[in-house]
Each structure stands twice: as C-alpha cells, then as structure tokens.
Amino acid sequence: MLPEEQGKLPGCCVYPDNPAPRRFSDLGPLGNREPVIALGGLRFDRLARQVSIRGETMEISARELSLLEALITQGGRPLGKESLVDHLCARDEAISHNAIVILIHRLRKKLEGSGVRITSVRGVGYLIESTSENPKTGHEQVST
C-alpha cells in the first residue's frame, strides 16, 4: 500500500476523519458523482444534503431530497417510476406510485422560480431540466 493510500478506506472517496464519508456506491448508478451539482438557479450539495435556490437554502423533506437527487444525477435522462421507488425506499419500506406523483407535485412547487423544472415524459417517467425565461413572452423555455 502506498503511503498516500494508508488513511483511506477501500472504495471510499474521502478520508476517515471527514465527518461525512461517502462511498462511490452511495452516489448513484453511473450518474453525476460531483459533490455539488448546479442546474439553473438550483444548487444541490450532496455531501451536506442541502438544496439552495439562488443562494437561499430551501426547506425540503428527506424524501423530496432523495427524489431530487435521483433526478438531478441522471444527466438529463428521464427516470421511471420504478427506479424512483427503488431509490426512495429502504429494503423494509414500500411506497406507491401515487406517492411518487405527490412528491413530484410538491417538489415542482418548491422549484418554481429556480430555473429548473420537472417534466413528465409520457410512458417513460420524469426528467429534470434547466429552463430560461423568454424575454419576449415572459414564459419559461427549455434550455438547449
């Protein structure tokens, strides 16, 4: 073992004296593994488990936070309800598809004005994307 590797845990991305060690497996499947993800006016700090909109910390439930994390780490790809259920539930819990719809609704309301929106992709699932306001119409447009 090299001297610079001696203080690290196997498979761990931080040193053991860090108050919040995270394993790569905790950071989602093949998605964005950055500790801070910014999209539109939204900033999601995965290590601190905090969300802010244009610098203001947002009050968000644990399930809403997990839902946001699942969507934002997909890199613009839609995520199906079954995948969301798997992401939100522990092994001994159950959550219905209707509960997912309610959580999406609550999260959409909280994200208003953030420059980010959650879109339903018919037959596929949900997608989070950055938006911008069109100065001519005043309506939000999807960024390309």
C-alpha atoms as a PDB file:
ATOM      1  CA  MET A   1       0.000   0.000   0.000  1.00  0.00           C
ATOM      2  CA  LEU A   2       1.325   3.431  -0.929  1.00  0.00           C
ATOM      3  CA  PRO A   3       1.794   5.981   1.910  1.00  0.00           C
ATOM      4  CA  GLU A   4      -0.874   8.316   0.438  1.00  0.00           C
ATOM      5  CA  GLU A   5      -3.400   5.423   0.440  1.00  0.00           C
ATOM      6  CA  GLN A   6      -2.899   4.379   4.073  1.00  0.00           C
ATOM      7  CA  GLY A   7      -5.513   6.742   5.570  1.00  0.00           C
ATOM      8  CA  LYS A   8      -8.253   5.842   3.099  1.00  0.00           C
ATOM      9  CA  LEU A   9     -10.940   3.214   3.397  1.00  0.00           C
ATOM     10  CA  PRO A  10     -11.284   0.785   0.463  1.00  0.00           C
ATOM     11  CA  GLY A  11     -13.783   2.131  -2.076  1.00  0.00           C
ATOM     12  CA  CYS A  12     -14.179   5.372  -0.166  1.00  0.00           C
ATOM     13  CA  CYS A  13     -13.790   8.774  -1.793  1.00  0.00           C
ATOM     14  CA  VAL A  14     -12.820  10.707   1.371  1.00  0.00           C
ATOM     15  CA  TYR A  15     -10.551  10.201   4.356  1.00  0.00           C
ATOM     16  CA  PRO A  16     -11.944   8.554   7.518  1.00  0.00           C
ATOM     17  CA  ASP A  17     -11.569  11.731   9.622  1.00  0.00           C
ATOM     18  CA  ASN A  18     -14.067  13.518   7.346  1.00  0.00           C
ATOM     19  CA  PRO A  19     -17.382  13.858   9.227  1.00  0.00           C
ATOM     20  CA  ALA A  20     -19.416  12.603   6.231  1.00  0.00           C
ATOM     21  CA  PRO A  21     -17.558   9.843   4.355  1.00  0.00           C
ATOM     22  CA  ARG A  22     -19.359   8.676   1.231  1.00  0.00           C
ATOM     23  CA  ARG A  23     -18.737   5.581  -0.846  1.00  0.00           C
ATOM     24  CA  PHE A  24     -18.971   5.778  -4.623  1.00  0.00           C
ATOM     25  CA  SER A  25     -21.817   3.269  -4.489  1.00  0.00           C
ATOM     26  CA  ASP A  26     -23.808   5.789  -2.410  1.00  0.00           C
ATOM     27  CA  LEU A  27     -23.597   8.388  -5.147  1.00  0.00           C
ATOM     28  CA  GLY A  28     -25.962   6.760  -7.636  1.00  0.00           C
ATOM     29  CA  PRO A  29     -25.633   4.494 -10.647  1.00  0.00           C
ATOM     30  CA  LEU A  30     -23.417   5.893 -13.392  1.00  0.00           C
ATOM     31  CA  GLY A  31     -24.923   9.340 -12.858  1.00  0.00           C
ATOM     32  CA  ASN A  32     -23.275  12.569 -11.841  1.00  0.00           C
ATOM     33  CA  ARG A  33     -20.877  11.909  -8.960  1.00  0.00           C
ATOM     34  CA  GLU A  34     -19.951  15.527  -8.260  1.00  0.00           C
ATOM     35  CA  PRO A  35     -20.462  16.586  -4.620  1.00  0.00           C
ATOM     36  CA  VAL A  36     -22.164  19.843  -5.692  1.00  0.00           C
ATOM     37  CA  ILE A  37     -24.459  19.916  -8.700  1.00  0.00           C
ATOM     38  CA  ALA A  38     -25.741  23.201 -10.147  1.00  0.00           C
ATOM     39  CA  LEU A  39     -28.610  23.373 -12.609  1.00  0.00           C
ATOM     40  CA  GLY A  40     -30.278  26.683 -13.464  1.00  0.00           C
ATOM     41  CA  GLY A  41     -30.549  28.611 -10.189  1.00  0.00           C
ATOM     42  CA  LEU A  42     -30.554  25.370  -8.180  1.00  0.00           C
ATOM     43  CA  ARG A  43     -27.515  24.186  -6.225  1.00  0.00           C
ATOM     44  CA  PHE A  44     -27.559  20.702  -4.689  1.00  0.00           C
ATOM     45  CA  ASP A  45     -24.800  19.844  -2.204  1.00  0.00           C
ATOM     46  CA  ARG A  46     -24.835  16.061  -1.951  1.00  0.00           C
ATOM     47  CA  LEU A  47     -22.436  15.808   0.983  1.00  0.00           C
ATOM     48  CA  ALA A  48     -24.171  18.434   3.137  1.00  0.00           C
ATOM     49  CA  ARG A  49     -27.590  17.198   1.896  1.00  0.00           C
ATOM     50  CA  GLN A  50     -28.692  20.797   1.228  1.00  0.00           C
ATOM     51  CA  VAL A  51     -30.509  22.475  -1.628  1.00  0.00           C
ATOM     52  CA  SER A  52     -30.405  26.188  -2.368  1.00  0.00           C
ATOM     53  CA  ILE A  53     -32.158  28.326  -4.943  1.00  0.00           C
ATOM     54  CA  ARG A  54     -30.244  31.433  -5.981  1.00  0.00           C
ATOM     55  CA  GLY A  55     -28.275  31.300  -2.724  1.00  0.00           C
ATOM     56  CA  GLU A  56     -31.289  30.793  -0.417  1.00  0.00           C
ATOM     57  CA  THR A  57     -31.390  27.454   1.440  1.00  0.00           C
ATOM     58  CA  MET A  58     -34.554  25.543   0.614  1.00  0.00           C
ATOM     59  CA  GLU A  59     -36.598  23.632   3.198  1.00  0.00           C
ATOM     60  CA  ILE A  60     -37.118  20.151   1.804  1.00  0.00           C
ATOM     61  CA  SER A  61     -38.163  16.800   3.263  1.00  0.00           C
ATOM     62  CA  ALA A  62     -35.854  13.786   3.224  1.00  0.00           C
ATOM     63  CA  ARG A  63     -37.948  12.010   0.572  1.00  0.00           C
ATOM     64  CA  GLU A  64     -38.106  15.143  -1.609  1.00  0.00           C
ATOM     65  CA  LEU A  65     -34.329  15.450  -1.274  1.00  0.00           C
ATOM     66  CA  SER A  66     -33.859  11.816  -2.333  1.00  0.00           C
ATOM     67  CA  LEU A  67     -36.211  12.346  -5.266  1.00  0.00           C
ATOM     68  CA  LEU A  68     -34.326  15.471  -6.359  1.00  0.00           C
ATOM     69  CA  GLU A  69     -31.018  13.622  -6.054  1.00  0.00           C
ATOM     70  CA  ALA A  70     -32.297  10.731  -8.168  1.00  0.00           C
ATOM     71  CA  LEU A  71     -33.471  13.093 -10.914  1.00  0.00           C
ATOM     72  CA  ILE A  72     -30.556  15.528 -10.943  1.00  0.00           C
ATOM     73  CA  THR A  73     -27.884  12.815 -11.124  1.00  0.00           C
ATOM     74  CA  GLN A  74     -29.348  11.325 -14.311  1.00  0.00           C
ATOM     75  CA  GLY A  75     -27.659  13.878 -16.562  1.00  0.00           C
ATOM     76  CA  GLY A  76     -30.786  14.886 -18.460  1.00  0.00           C
ATOM     77  CA  ARG A  77     -32.144  11.361 -18.909  1.00  0.00           C
ATOM     78  CA  PRO A  78     -35.679  10.508 -17.764  1.00  0.00           C
ATOM     79  CA  LEU A  79     -36.114   8.246 -14.761  1.00  0.00           C
ATOM     80  CA  GLY A  80     -39.047   5.820 -14.500  1.00  0.00           C
ATOM     81  CA  LYS A  81     -41.372   5.464 -11.518  1.00  0.00           C
ATOM     82  CA  GLU A  82     -39.997   2.016 -10.665  1.00  0.00           C
ATOM     83  CA  SER A  83     -36.464   3.417 -10.467  1.00  0.00           C
ATOM     84  CA  LEU A  84     -37.724   6.265  -8.278  1.00  0.00           C
ATOM     85  CA  VAL A  85     -39.491   3.790  -5.983  1.00  0.00           C
ATOM     86  CA  ASP A  86     -36.257   1.776  -5.692  1.00  0.00           C
ATOM     87  CA  HIS A  87     -34.251   4.934  -4.968  1.00  0.00           C
ATOM     88  CA  LEU A  88     -36.667   6.251  -2.317  1.00  0.00           C
ATOM     89  CA  CYS A  89     -37.319   3.053  -0.367  1.00  0.00           C
ATOM     90  CA  ALA A  90     -35.289   1.130   2.114  1.00  0.00           C
ATOM     91  CA  ARG A  91     -35.485  -2.654   1.923  1.00  0.00           C
ATOM     92  CA  ASP A  92     -38.291  -2.879   4.507  1.00  0.00           C
ATOM     93  CA  GLU A  93     -40.372   0.038   3.182  1.00  0.00           C
ATOM     94  CA  ALA A  94     -42.938   0.344   0.454  1.00  0.00           C
ATOM     95  CA  ILE A  95     -44.011   3.421  -1.469  1.00  0.00           C
ATOM     96  CA  SER A  96     -46.762   3.598  -4.064  1.00  0.00           C
ATOM     97  CA  HIS A  97     -46.669   5.150  -7.489  1.00  0.00           C
ATOM     98  CA  ASN A  98     -49.276   7.655  -6.254  1.00  0.00           C
ATOM     99  CA  ALA A  99     -46.861   8.748  -3.533  1.00  0.00           C
ATOM    100  CA  ILE A 100     -44.253   9.413  -6.246  1.00  0.00           C
ATOM    101  CA  VAL A 101     -46.777  11.613  -8.100  1.00  0.00           C
ATOM    102  CA  ILE A 102     -47.473  13.573  -4.896  1.00  0.00           C
ATOM    103  CA  LEU A 103     -43.750  14.009  -4.173  1.00  0.00           C
ATOM    104  CA  ILE A 104     -43.166  15.210  -7.756  1.00  0.00           C
ATOM    105  CA  HIS A 105     -46.015  17.732  -7.351  1.00  0.00           C
ATOM    106  CA  ARG A 106     -44.590  19.068  -4.061  1.00  0.00           C
ATOM    107  CA  LEU A 107     -41.080  19.291  -5.488  1.00  0.00           C
ATOM    108  CA  ARG A 108     -42.323  21.105  -8.609  1.00  0.00           C
ATOM    109  CA  LYS A 109     -43.976  23.726  -6.382  1.00  0.00           C
ATOM    110  CA  LYS A 110     -40.779  24.206  -4.373  1.00  0.00           C
ATOM    111  CA  LEU A 111     -38.670  24.540  -7.535  1.00  0.00           C
ATOM    112  CA  GLU A 112     -40.794  27.340  -9.036  1.00  0.00           C
ATOM    113  CA  GLY A 113     -38.597  30.309  -9.932  1.00  0.00           C
ATOM    114  CA  SER A 114     -35.399  28.270  -9.664  1.00  0.00           C
ATOM    115  CA  GLY A 115     -34.726  27.995 -13.387  1.00  0.00           C
ATOM    116  CA  VAL A 116     -35.325  24.241 -13.132  1.00  0.00           C
ATOM    117  CA  ARG A 117     -38.426  22.179 -13.828  1.00  0.00           C
ATOM    118  CA  ILE A 118     -39.501  18.559 -13.601  1.00  0.00           C
ATOM    119  CA  THR A 119     -41.116  17.318 -16.796  1.00  0.00           C
ATOM    120  CA  SER A 120     -43.274  14.240 -17.255  1.00  0.00           C
ATOM    121  CA  VAL A 121     -42.130  12.082 -20.166  1.00  0.00           C
ATOM    122  CA  ARG A 122     -45.197  10.091 -21.153  1.00  0.00           C
ATOM    123  CA  GLY A 123     -44.648   6.352 -20.863  1.00  0.00           C
ATOM    124  CA  VAL A 124     -41.102   6.816 -19.531  1.00  0.00           C
ATOM    125  CA  GLY A 125     -41.035   8.765 -16.262  1.00  0.00           C
ATOM    126  CA  TYR A 126     -39.712  12.119 -15.097  1.00  0.00           C
ATOM    127  CA  LEU A 127     -36.903  14.410 -16.183  1.00  0.00           C
ATOM    128  CA  ILE A 128     -35.347  17.457 -14.520  1.00  0.00           C
ATOM    129  CA  GLU A 129     -34.135  20.207 -16.835  1.00  0.00           C
ATOM    130  CA  SER A 130     -32.898  23.758 -16.797  1.00  0.00           C
ATOM    131  CA  THR A 131     -35.224  26.466 -18.082  1.00  0.00           C
ATOM    132  CA  SER A 132     -34.800  30.098 -19.001  1.00  0.00           C
ATOM    133  CA  GLU A 133     -37.335  32.858 -19.287  1.00  0.00           C
ATOM    134  CA  ASN A 134     -38.058  34.116 -22.787  1.00  0.00           C
ATOM    135  CA  PRO A 135     -37.741  37.946 -22.629  1.00  0.00           C
ATOM    136  CA  LYS A 136     -40.276  38.378 -25.468  1.00  0.00           C
ATOM    137  CA  THR A 137     -43.092  36.293 -23.956  1.00  0.00           C
ATOM    138  CA  GLY A 138     -42.134  36.079 -20.270  1.00  0.00           C
ATOM    139  CA  HIS A 139     -42.685  32.321 -20.394  1.00  0.00           C
ATOM    140  CA  GLU A 140     -40.139  29.696 -19.423  1.00  0.00           C
ATOM    141  CA  GLN A 141     -38.372  27.940 -22.283  1.00  0.00           C
ATOM    142  CA  VAL A 142     -36.303  24.760 -22.066  1.00  0.00           C
ATOM    143  CA  SER A 143     -32.590  25.488 -22.451  1.00  0.00           C
ATOM    144  CA  THR A 144     -30.782  23.679 -25.238  1.00  0.00           C
END
